[in-house]
Protein backbone atom coordinates (compact mmCIF):
# COMPACT_ATOMS: atom_id res chain seq x y z
CA MET A 1 117.47 93.00 70.31
CA LYS A 2 119.57 91.64 73.29
CA LEU A 3 119.18 94.54 75.68
CA TRP A 4 115.84 94.59 74.83
CA GLN A 5 115.33 90.66 76.40
CA ARG A 6 117.61 91.38 78.44
CA ARG A 7 115.56 94.43 80.31
CA LEU A 8 112.13 93.65 79.06
CA LEU A 9 112.19 89.48 79.36
CA THR A 10 114.82 88.69 82.15
CA ILE A 11 114.44 89.38 86.29
CA ASP A 12 116.37 88.55 88.61
CA PRO A 13 115.62 85.55 90.76
CA ARG A 14 116.75 87.75 93.87
CA SER A 15 113.96 90.39 92.65
CA LEU A 16 111.05 87.05 92.38
CA ALA A 17 112.33 86.04 95.95
CA ALA A 18 111.98 89.44 97.45
CA LEU A 19 108.28 89.81 95.08
CA ARG A 20 107.60 86.66 97.33
CA VAL A 21 108.13 87.62 100.12
CA ALA A 22 106.07 91.06 99.86
CA LEU A 23 103.43 88.85 98.34
CA ALA A 24 102.80 86.41 101.15
CA SER A 25 102.89 88.78 103.73
CA LEU A 26 100.54 90.87 102.11
CA LEU A 27 98.33 87.64 102.05
CA LEU A 28 98.31 86.95 104.93
CA LEU A 29 97.55 90.70 106.45
CA ASP A 30 94.43 90.25 103.94
CA LEU A 31 93.48 87.56 105.42
CA VAL A 32 93.79 88.34 108.64
CA LYS A 33 92.07 91.37 107.58
CA ARG A 34 88.61 89.37 106.69
CA ALA A 35 89.02 86.53 109.44
CA ALA A 36 88.48 89.48 111.91
CA ASP A 37 84.82 89.59 110.51
CA LEU A 38 84.41 85.99 109.39
CA SER A 39 80.97 85.27 110.28
CA LEU A 40 80.17 88.59 109.19
CA TRP A 41 81.08 88.26 105.13
CA TYR A 42 81.78 84.43 104.72
CA THR A 43 78.68 82.74 106.74
CA ASN A 44 75.30 82.42 105.55
CA SER A 45 74.00 84.40 108.84
CA GLY A 46 76.19 87.05 107.80
CA LEU A 47 76.00 90.02 105.08
CA VAL A 48 77.46 88.26 102.55
CA PRO A 49 75.08 84.46 102.37
CA ASN A 50 76.97 82.34 99.92
CA HIS A 51 73.24 80.73 98.96
CA ARG A 52 71.88 84.07 97.71
CA LEU A 53 74.72 84.76 95.56
CA LEU A 54 74.32 81.39 94.13
CA TRP A 55 71.04 81.95 93.54
CA ARG A 56 71.16 85.31 91.87
CA PRO A 57 74.87 86.08 90.94
CA ASP A 58 75.85 89.32 89.75
CA THR A 59 77.61 87.54 86.90
CA PRO A 60 78.12 83.92 86.13
CA HIS A 61 81.38 83.53 86.02
CA GLN A 62 82.45 82.76 89.20
CA LEU A 63 84.93 80.60 90.84
CA SER A 64 85.26 79.69 94.33
CA TYR A 65 85.52 77.06 96.99
CA LEU A 66 83.98 79.21 99.33
CA TYR A 67 80.81 78.73 97.95
CA ALA A 68 80.78 75.31 99.29
CA LEU A 69 81.40 76.45 102.96
CA PHE A 70 78.37 78.52 105.54
CA THR A 71 79.22 77.60 108.60
CA ILE A 72 82.03 79.69 111.08
CA ASP A 73 83.74 75.61 112.28
CA HIS A 74 83.83 75.18 107.90
CA LEU A 75 85.75 78.49 107.68
CA ARG A 76 87.92 78.79 110.77
CA ILE A 77 89.10 75.35 109.15
CA ALA A 78 89.63 76.87 105.25
CA PHE A 79 91.28 80.13 107.13
CA ALA A 80 93.63 78.16 109.28
CA ALA A 81 94.99 76.04 105.63
CA THR A 82 94.78 79.23 103.74
CA SER A 83 97.10 80.97 106.49
CA LEU A 84 99.23 77.48 106.07
CA ILE A 85 99.69 77.78 102.80
CA TYR A 86 100.27 81.29 102.75
CA LEU A 87 103.04 80.79 105.37
CA CYS A 88 104.63 77.76 103.09
CA PHE A 89 104.72 80.37 100.09
CA LEU A 90 106.41 82.60 102.57
CA VAL A 91 109.06 80.82 103.60
CA GLY A 92 109.06 79.47 100.23
CA TYR A 93 108.58 75.60 100.58
CA ARG A 94 107.23 74.24 97.54
CA THR A 95 106.71 77.11 96.63
CA ARG A 96 104.83 76.58 93.39
CA LEU A 97 102.34 74.50 94.77
CA MET A 98 101.72 76.91 97.43
CA HIS A 99 101.81 80.27 94.99
CA VAL A 100 98.93 78.03 92.78
CA LEU A 101 97.51 77.17 95.99
CA SER A 102 97.65 80.52 96.94
CA TRP A 103 96.06 82.30 94.20
CA PHE A 104 93.22 80.35 93.79
CA SER A 105 92.33 81.32 97.89
CA LEU A 106 92.73 84.42 96.80
CA LEU A 107 90.69 84.41 93.94
CA SER A 108 88.31 82.32 96.16
CA LEU A 109 87.90 85.24 98.94
CA ASN A 110 87.35 88.21 96.53
CA THR A 111 85.02 86.19 94.47
CA ARG A 112 82.90 85.19 97.47
CA ALA A 113 82.45 88.49 98.46
CA SER A 114 82.94 90.53 95.20
CA ILE A 115 80.62 93.22 96.95
CA LEU A 116 83.91 93.75 98.67
CA ALA A 117 85.85 93.28 96.19
CA ASN A 118 87.94 96.86 94.84
CA GLY A 119 90.74 97.92 92.60
CA GLY A 120 93.60 96.63 95.15
CA ASP A 121 91.94 93.27 94.49
CA TYR A 122 91.43 93.07 90.94
CA VAL A 123 95.50 94.28 90.73
CA PHE A 124 96.52 91.91 93.26
CA CYS A 125 94.86 88.84 91.92
CA THR A 126 96.53 89.63 88.50
CA LEU A 127 99.54 89.89 90.22
CA MET A 128 99.49 86.59 91.85
CA LEU A 129 98.30 85.26 88.16
CA TRP A 130 101.17 86.64 86.45
CA SER A 131 104.00 85.54 88.57
CA ALA A 132 102.67 82.04 89.25
CA PHE A 133 104.47 81.51 85.92
CA LEU A 134 107.60 82.74 87.06
CA PRO A 135 109.97 80.34 90.01
CA LEU A 136 109.40 82.66 92.85
CA GLY A 137 111.37 80.15 94.97
CA ALA A 138 114.89 80.41 93.57
CA ARG A 139 116.32 82.44 95.82
CA PHE A 140 116.46 82.94 99.39
CA SER A 141 113.63 79.90 100.11
CA ILE A 142 113.45 76.67 101.61
CA ASP A 143 113.13 75.16 98.77
CA ARG A 144 116.82 76.59 97.15
CA TRP A 145 118.03 75.76 100.88
CA LEU A 146 116.79 72.38 100.53
CA ALA A 147 118.71 72.09 97.19
CA GLN A 148 121.78 73.23 98.78
CA THR A 149 121.38 71.29 101.48
CA ARG A 150 121.76 68.48 98.81
CA ASP A 151 124.47 69.74 96.82
CA PRO A 152 126.26 71.91 97.94
CA ASP A 153 127.91 72.94 94.61
CA ALA A 154 124.59 73.55 93.19
CA PRO A 155 125.41 76.75 90.74
CA GLU A 156 123.58 79.98 91.26
CA PRO A 157 120.38 80.23 89.88
CA PRO A 158 120.63 82.40 86.59
CA PRO A 159 119.13 85.32 85.37
CA VAL A 160 115.01 84.62 84.59
CA LYS A 161 113.93 84.83 80.67
CA SER A 162 110.29 84.39 80.16
CA LEU A 163 107.30 86.69 78.57
CA ALA A 164 105.86 86.50 81.87
CA ALA A 165 108.63 88.82 82.62
CA LEU A 166 106.96 91.63 80.01
CA ALA A 167 103.54 90.44 81.40
CA LEU A 168 104.81 91.72 84.59
CA LEU A 169 105.87 95.10 83.53
CA LEU A 170 103.13 95.68 81.09
CA GLN A 171 101.17 95.35 83.61
CA ILE A 172 102.36 97.30 85.68
CA ALA A 173 102.74 100.70 83.02
CA VAL A 174 99.06 99.95 82.35
CA ILE A 175 97.83 100.48 85.27
CA TYR A 176 99.32 103.81 85.73
CA PHE A 177 98.77 104.93 82.28
CA PHE A 178 94.97 104.47 81.96
CA ASN A 179 94.67 105.33 86.16
CA ALA A 180 96.35 108.87 84.30
CA ALA A 181 94.64 108.77 80.97
CA HIS A 182 91.04 108.34 82.87
CA LYS A 183 91.39 111.60 85.23
CA THR A 184 90.14 114.42 82.57
CA GLY A 185 87.31 116.09 84.74
CA SER A 186 87.49 119.68 86.43
CA THR A 187 88.98 118.39 89.53
CA TRP A 188 92.19 116.94 88.50
CA ARG A 189 91.89 120.11 85.71
CA GLU A 190 91.63 122.55 88.71
CA GLY A 191 93.96 120.88 91.05
CA SER A 192 91.13 120.04 93.91
CA ALA A 193 91.45 116.42 93.51
CA VAL A 194 93.46 115.51 96.77
CA TYR A 195 91.55 118.65 98.21
CA TYR A 196 88.42 116.36 97.63
CA MET A 197 89.67 113.09 98.52
CA LEU A 198 90.52 114.14 102.04
CA HIS A 199 87.45 115.40 102.74
CA GLN A 200 85.72 111.79 102.13
CA ALA A 201 84.59 110.77 105.44
CA ARG A 202 84.81 106.46 104.67
CA ILE A 203 88.44 106.72 103.33
CA VAL A 204 90.42 109.90 105.31
CA THR A 205 92.86 108.37 107.86
CA VAL A 206 93.83 110.86 110.69
CA PHE A 207 96.74 112.20 109.29
CA GLY A 208 94.61 112.98 106.48
CA LEU A 209 92.45 115.04 108.34
CA TRP A 210 94.89 117.19 110.18
CA VAL A 211 96.59 117.44 106.48
CA ARG A 212 93.13 119.00 105.18
CA ASP A 213 92.67 121.14 108.33
CA HIS A 214 96.67 122.73 108.25
CA VAL A 215 97.89 122.11 104.59
CA PRO A 216 96.94 125.27 102.47
CA LEU A 217 95.26 124.48 98.95
CA PRO A 218 98.55 125.48 96.90
CA LEU A 219 99.76 122.49 98.23
CA LEU A 220 97.25 120.12 98.05
CA GLN A 221 96.91 121.31 94.58
CA ALA A 222 100.65 120.59 93.94
CA LEU A 223 99.95 117.46 94.86
CA SER A 224 96.79 116.29 92.72
CA TYR A 225 99.18 117.94 89.56
CA SER A 226 101.96 115.69 91.08
CA THR A 227 100.00 112.39 90.56
CA LEU A 228 98.80 113.24 87.53
CA VAL A 229 103.06 113.74 86.60
CA ILE A 230 103.81 110.48 88.30
CA GLU A 231 101.05 107.96 86.74
CA TYR A 232 102.34 109.69 83.31
CA ALA A 233 105.75 109.41 84.08
CA LEU A 234 105.67 105.67 85.31
CA PRO A 235 105.18 104.25 82.48
CA PHE A 236 108.07 105.26 80.50
CA LEU A 237 110.48 104.56 83.28
CA ILE A 238 109.04 101.46 83.60
CA MET A 239 109.41 99.89 80.28
CA SER A 240 112.84 101.97 79.52
CA PRO A 241 115.07 99.49 78.41
CA TRP A 242 118.14 100.95 78.13
CA LEU A 243 119.50 102.88 81.69
CA LEU A 244 119.05 101.42 85.41
CA TRP A 245 118.31 104.36 86.53
CA PRO A 246 114.77 105.09 84.94
CA ARG A 247 113.93 101.79 86.63
CA ARG A 248 115.48 103.05 90.59
CA LEU A 249 113.12 106.12 90.04
CA ALA A 250 110.47 103.97 89.50
CA PHE A 251 110.69 102.08 92.25
CA VAL A 252 111.44 105.06 94.50
CA LEU A 253 108.79 107.30 92.88
CA ILE A 254 106.16 104.13 93.51
CA TRP A 255 107.13 103.73 97.03
CA THR A 256 106.49 107.67 97.87
CA PHE A 257 103.68 108.46 95.67
CA HIS A 258 101.81 105.16 97.38
CA GLY A 259 103.02 105.34 101.05
CA SER A 260 101.64 109.05 100.69
CA ILE A 261 98.61 107.53 99.61
CA ALA A 262 98.43 105.56 102.25
CA LEU A 263 98.76 108.49 105.08
CA LEU A 264 96.29 110.32 103.93
CA ALA A 265 93.10 107.94 102.56
CA ASN A 266 92.33 104.07 103.08
CA LEU A 267 92.28 103.08 99.83
CA GLY A 268 92.58 99.12 100.81
CA LEU A 269 95.19 97.04 98.86
CA PHE A 270 95.98 99.07 96.05
CA SER A 271 98.83 101.45 97.97
CA PRO A 272 100.34 98.08 98.91
CA VAL A 273 100.22 95.89 96.06
CA MET A 274 101.44 98.51 94.15
CA MET A 275 104.24 98.84 96.32
CA VAL A 276 104.94 94.95 96.15
CA PHE A 277 104.83 94.93 92.20
CA SER A 278 107.79 97.72 92.16
CA THR A 279 110.40 94.91 93.61
CA ILE A 280 110.52 93.12 90.30
CA LEU A 281 112.07 96.68 88.82
CA LEU A 282 115.24 96.09 91.01
CA GLY A 283 117.98 94.67 88.75
CA PRO A 284 121.27 92.36 89.34
CA ALA A 285 122.87 95.78 90.12
CA ASP A 286 121.00 96.16 92.96
CA TRP A 287 121.18 93.00 94.26
CA ASP A 288 124.88 92.90 94.38
CA TRP A 289 125.50 95.77 96.50
CA LEU A 290 122.25 94.88 99.30
CA GLU A 291 123.74 91.01 99.13
CA ARG A 292 127.70 92.85 100.03
CA ARG A 293 125.66 94.51 102.63
CA TYR A 294 123.30 92.37 104.54
CA GLY A 295 124.26 88.49 102.86
CA ALA A 296 126.12 88.02 105.71
CA HIS A 297 122.88 88.45 107.62
CA VAL A 298 121.19 85.68 105.55
CA GLU A 299 124.11 82.69 105.66
CA ARG A 300 124.02 83.05 109.52
CA LEU A 301 120.14 82.30 109.26
CA ARG A 302 121.14 79.36 107.21
CA ALA A 303 123.42 78.58 109.09
CA LYS A 304 120.71 78.25 112.03
CA LEU A 305 118.47 76.83 109.83
CA ARG A 306 121.14 73.80 108.47
CA PRO A 307 119.77 70.88 111.58
CA VAL A 308 116.22 71.71 109.89
CA LEU A 309 117.01 71.80 106.71
CA THR A 310 118.95 68.54 106.71
CA TRP A 311 116.23 66.61 108.55
CA LEU A 312 113.88 67.91 106.08
CA ALA A 313 116.50 66.87 103.15
CA ALA A 314 116.55 63.39 103.98
CA ARG A 315 112.85 63.14 104.44
CA THR A 316 111.79 64.66 100.90
CA SER A 317 112.50 63.19 97.56
CA GLY A 318 114.11 64.78 94.80
CA PRO A 319 115.11 68.40 94.33
CA PRO A 320 112.72 71.03 95.10
CA ILE A 321 113.79 73.01 91.95
CA ARG A 322 114.18 71.36 88.42
CA PRO A 323 114.81 73.87 85.64
CA PRO A 324 111.71 73.30 83.18
CA SER A 325 112.30 70.64 80.51
CA ALA A 326 112.11 72.58 76.75
CA ALA A 327 108.22 71.26 76.45
CA GLY A 328 107.29 72.81 79.55
CA HIS A 329 109.24 75.91 78.85
CA ARG A 330 107.38 76.34 75.81
CA LEU A 331 103.98 75.36 77.56
CA ARG A 332 104.65 78.14 79.61
CA GLU A 333 105.57 80.85 76.79
CA LEU A 334 101.79 79.97 75.69
CA THR A 335 99.83 79.79 78.31
CA VAL A 336 101.30 83.42 79.08
CA GLY A 337 101.06 84.66 75.69
CA THR A 338 97.46 83.77 75.62
CA LEU A 339 96.58 84.94 78.96
CA MET A 340 97.91 88.33 76.91
CA VAL A 341 95.90 88.59 74.28
CA LEU A 342 93.01 87.96 76.96
CA ALA A 343 94.37 91.36 78.61
CA LEU A 344 94.67 92.67 75.74
CA SER A 345 91.68 92.20 74.90
CA GLN A 346 90.25 93.04 78.12
CA ILE A 347 91.92 96.64 77.72
CA SER A 348 90.18 97.40 74.73
CA VAL A 349 87.08 96.43 76.35
CA GLU A 350 86.89 98.20 80.09
CA ASN A 351 89.76 101.78 79.15
CA ASP A 352 87.34 104.94 77.62
CA ALA A 353 90.35 105.80 76.67
CA VAL A 354 90.60 103.47 74.14
CA PRO A 355 89.25 104.68 70.77
CA ASP A 356 86.61 102.74 69.61
CA VAL A 357 88.41 101.51 66.68
CA LEU A 358 90.81 99.68 68.59
CA ARG A 359 87.58 98.29 70.62
CA PRO A 360 86.74 94.60 68.18
CA PRO A 361 83.87 92.91 69.92
CA GLN A 362 85.07 90.29 73.02
CA PRO A 363 83.77 86.72 71.63
CA ALA A 364 81.82 85.14 74.77
CA PHE A 365 84.80 82.82 76.22
CA MET A 366 87.02 85.73 76.51
CA ASP A 367 84.39 87.10 78.56
CA ALA A 368 84.59 84.28 80.67
CA SER A 369 88.15 83.54 81.04
CA ILE A 370 88.55 86.96 82.23
CA SER A 371 85.63 86.97 84.88
CA TYR A 372 87.12 83.57 86.44
CA LEU A 373 90.56 84.59 86.65
CA ARG A 374 89.60 87.87 87.88
CA LEU A 375 91.94 89.29 84.74
CA ASN A 376 90.09 92.91 84.78
CA GLN A 377 92.01 95.70 83.11
CA GLY A 378 89.66 98.56 83.51
CA TRP A 379 91.75 101.10 85.64
CA GLY A 380 90.16 104.38 86.74
CA MET A 381 90.66 105.33 90.36
CA PHE A 382 89.24 108.78 91.26
CA ALA A 383 88.69 109.26 87.33
CA PRO A 384 87.50 111.33 85.47
CA ASN A 385 86.80 113.14 89.02
CA ALA A 386 87.96 113.05 92.73
CA PRO A 387 84.17 112.24 94.25
CA ARG A 388 82.60 115.24 95.31
CA GLU A 389 79.62 113.72 97.16
CA ASP A 390 80.57 111.50 100.56
CA MET A 391 77.87 109.00 102.18
CA MET A 392 77.42 106.81 105.13
CA VAL A 393 74.97 104.36 106.16
CA VAL A 394 73.53 104.94 109.43
CA VAL A 395 70.92 102.49 111.13
CA ASP A 396 68.20 103.34 113.62
CA ALA A 397 67.40 100.94 115.58
CA LEU A 398 64.86 100.38 118.56
CA THR A 399 65.67 98.08 120.81
CA VAL A 400 63.10 96.47 123.61
CA ASP A 401 63.98 98.29 126.54
CA GLY A 402 63.78 101.80 124.58
CA ARG A 403 67.60 102.92 123.42
CA HIS A 404 68.36 103.50 120.18
CA ILE A 405 71.69 101.94 118.99
CA ASP A 406 73.49 101.66 115.43
CA PRO A 407 74.35 97.72 115.09
CA TYR A 408 76.21 98.04 111.85
CA ASN A 409 78.34 101.32 112.51
CA MET A 410 78.96 99.69 115.75
CA ARG A 411 81.11 96.96 113.91
CA ALA A 412 82.32 99.18 111.06
CA SER A 413 83.21 102.60 112.00
CA VAL A 414 84.62 104.86 115.09
CA ILE A 415 81.17 106.58 115.40
CA ALA A 416 78.08 104.54 116.05
CA ASP A 417 75.17 107.30 116.89
CA PRO A 418 71.72 106.53 115.61
CA LEU A 419 70.25 109.60 114.75
CA MET A 420 73.17 110.85 113.47
CA ARG A 421 71.73 112.40 109.66
CA GLU A 422 74.84 114.67 109.36
CA LEU A 423 78.21 112.87 107.99
CA PRO A 424 81.08 113.15 110.60
CA ASP A 425 84.50 114.37 109.66
CA ARG A 426 86.03 110.73 109.76
CA LEU A 427 84.59 106.99 109.79
CA GLY A 428 87.42 105.14 110.21
CA GLN A 429 86.32 101.66 108.29
CA ASN A 430 88.52 99.66 107.19
CA TYR A 431 88.65 98.62 103.13
CA LEU A 432 85.97 96.24 103.84
CA TYR A 433 83.30 98.20 105.42
CA CYS A 434 83.79 101.15 103.05
CA ASP A 435 82.98 99.47 99.94
CA TYR A 436 80.35 97.58 101.74
CA THR A 437 78.88 100.73 102.61
CA ALA A 438 79.06 102.25 99.01
CA ARG A 439 77.15 99.54 97.30
CA ILE A 440 74.26 98.24 100.00
CA GLU A 441 71.77 100.53 99.00
CA ASP A 442 72.05 99.36 95.37
CA THR A 443 72.52 95.47 96.26
CA GLY A 444 68.83 94.27 96.19
CA LEU A 445 70.22 90.48 96.81
CA LEU A 446 71.78 91.91 99.75
CA HIS A 447 68.79 94.28 101.72
CA GLU A 448 67.00 91.21 103.21
CA PRO A 449 70.64 89.50 104.77
CA LEU A 450 71.52 92.58 106.53
CA ARG A 451 67.43 93.14 107.61
CA GLU A 452 68.21 89.81 109.35
CA TRP A 453 71.66 90.45 110.14
CA ILE A 454 70.29 93.68 112.04
CA LEU A 455 67.08 92.00 113.83
CA ALA A 456 69.28 89.17 115.32
CA HIS A 457 71.57 91.86 117.70
CA HIS A 458 70.68 90.46 120.80
CA ARG A 459 71.85 87.03 119.86
CA ARG A 460 75.61 88.20 118.89
CA THR A 461 75.50 90.10 121.87
CA LYS A 462 73.74 87.86 124.32
CA ARG A 463 71.73 89.84 125.95
CA ALA A 464 67.88 89.60 126.03
CA GLN A 465 67.57 93.98 126.36
CA ASP A 466 69.44 94.55 122.91
CA LYS A 467 66.62 92.44 120.88
CA ILE A 468 65.86 95.22 118.47
CA VAL A 469 61.77 95.58 118.13
CA SER A 470 62.12 97.60 114.53
CA PHE A 471 65.11 99.83 112.46
CA THR A 472 65.70 101.78 109.44
CA ALA A 473 68.37 101.84 107.52
CA TYR A 474 69.49 105.72 105.88
CA VAL A 475 71.66 106.74 103.25
CA VAL A 476 72.91 109.96 104.59
CA GLU A 477 74.81 112.38 101.84
CA ASP A 478 76.51 115.92 101.34
CA THR A 479 78.56 117.33 98.47
CA SER A 480 82.17 118.35 100.20
CA PRO A 481 82.85 122.11 100.47
CA LYS A 482 84.35 124.07 97.58
CA PRO A 483 87.68 125.27 98.50
CA GLY A 484 87.31 127.99 100.91
CA GLU A 485 83.49 127.32 101.53
CA PRO A 486 83.08 126.15 105.42
CA ALA A 487 80.88 123.21 105.32
CA PRO A 488 79.20 120.71 103.51
CA THR A 489 76.35 121.40 101.32
CA ASN A 490 73.14 119.49 99.97
CA ARG A 491 73.01 117.54 103.35
CA LYS A 492 69.79 114.75 102.95
CA ALA A 493 69.16 111.39 104.56
CA ARG A 494 67.05 109.12 102.34
CA LYS A 495 65.61 105.10 103.89
CA PHE A 496 66.72 102.56 101.97
CA LEU A 497 65.82 100.03 104.18
CA SER A 498 63.12 99.11 107.31
CA GLY A 499 62.38 95.52 109.32
CA ARG A 500 60.32 95.10 111.97
CA SER A 501 60.67 91.98 115.16
CA SER A 502 58.16 89.64 114.42
CA GLN A 503 57.59 88.82 117.62
């Protein structure tokens, strides 16, 4: 029993520190991506105006402070404040408070523009929630260094034992297990899944395009089968309590697996989030080796910061890091246990691989809690099959001076041809445009904002000759060629939206 507690309920505080740095870095990267198109995704003059979502929300249980903000100036202030929170979380200053604020900021960003959300965003929110119950600032943080400045004889924090450690491990294992269990279609049985993934113009990278054209099919089949092997093996390696090497092997496999995926396809934050997740798999022996090798660099950094730390220590009250009281510890464990029950219930609801006998009806309060916290547990990327159909949105807009332009793909893609009725090899969209493109046809609530945004093109360019007289938006589709076939089939284009200037 002690072995199980040590391996499944205990995390080295240095692993938590690495998790904090990786999480905060990823938070900042995501914020920069969203800020680059701030007016497009978060203002009322963009594609996802908040008043439309509030009138007809896609779910009744939504939590986002960004619904109260709708002008570009308000949002710039909010994004600036969010970046400051993320930076404080990164360096570990007032870590617990900044962690909670970071989680709520991420939750708000995703909920406010849920049409852009994918599996990586749900994993990210879930990871931030589980890890909020662990002391991510106990090592390698401003909080820790301030505590040492006040009390140079303070001992190093001991390993953290908590139910939240088990929740994090189980979360990783559940994600991989159900992603593998749901891959039951012919593309996985035949080994063609990676081949078809590389024919998705919206997500394939430049390197993925090269691989598609130069790597032989047997090697692509081997990559498909290895995906299943890795996803099935990782839960057992992660949850193994007996030896060090299974966790180390899991760490290497996760970085190799997701690093390879990121080189081939743009799947949003899913790959980097899972790589961030894996830092908790590093154990004390791993960190002892790293400290022997690099600890001197950390000490030199702290020495350079000592004047600043001394100044902060004199002007902040009380030790930033306090061990939890017995009552606080019990409350934390009770809260984590309650969330684990919610997650377990959601696993049974969302995953078809769970037998019907294990899928009881979910009470309304559970459904609401899951939605508010974005603690969704449906995992099935490229399942049961890798997609064999591809699509893009093309806008054919006529300007007042007689030109045809595509204002949407001028922002969204590397190719913006308003007369295009066949998919190019690669669109080069980032993950926000990719998900919007895939969902906008079936999201009638946001058709009018898209129409207004297209007709306002000249206001954004500030050029009278760019005024759009009329436009038609098409969904352009095809079926990816089967292995050995020269070109896509079933090419077609259908209109889904049109508009005309009133003046």
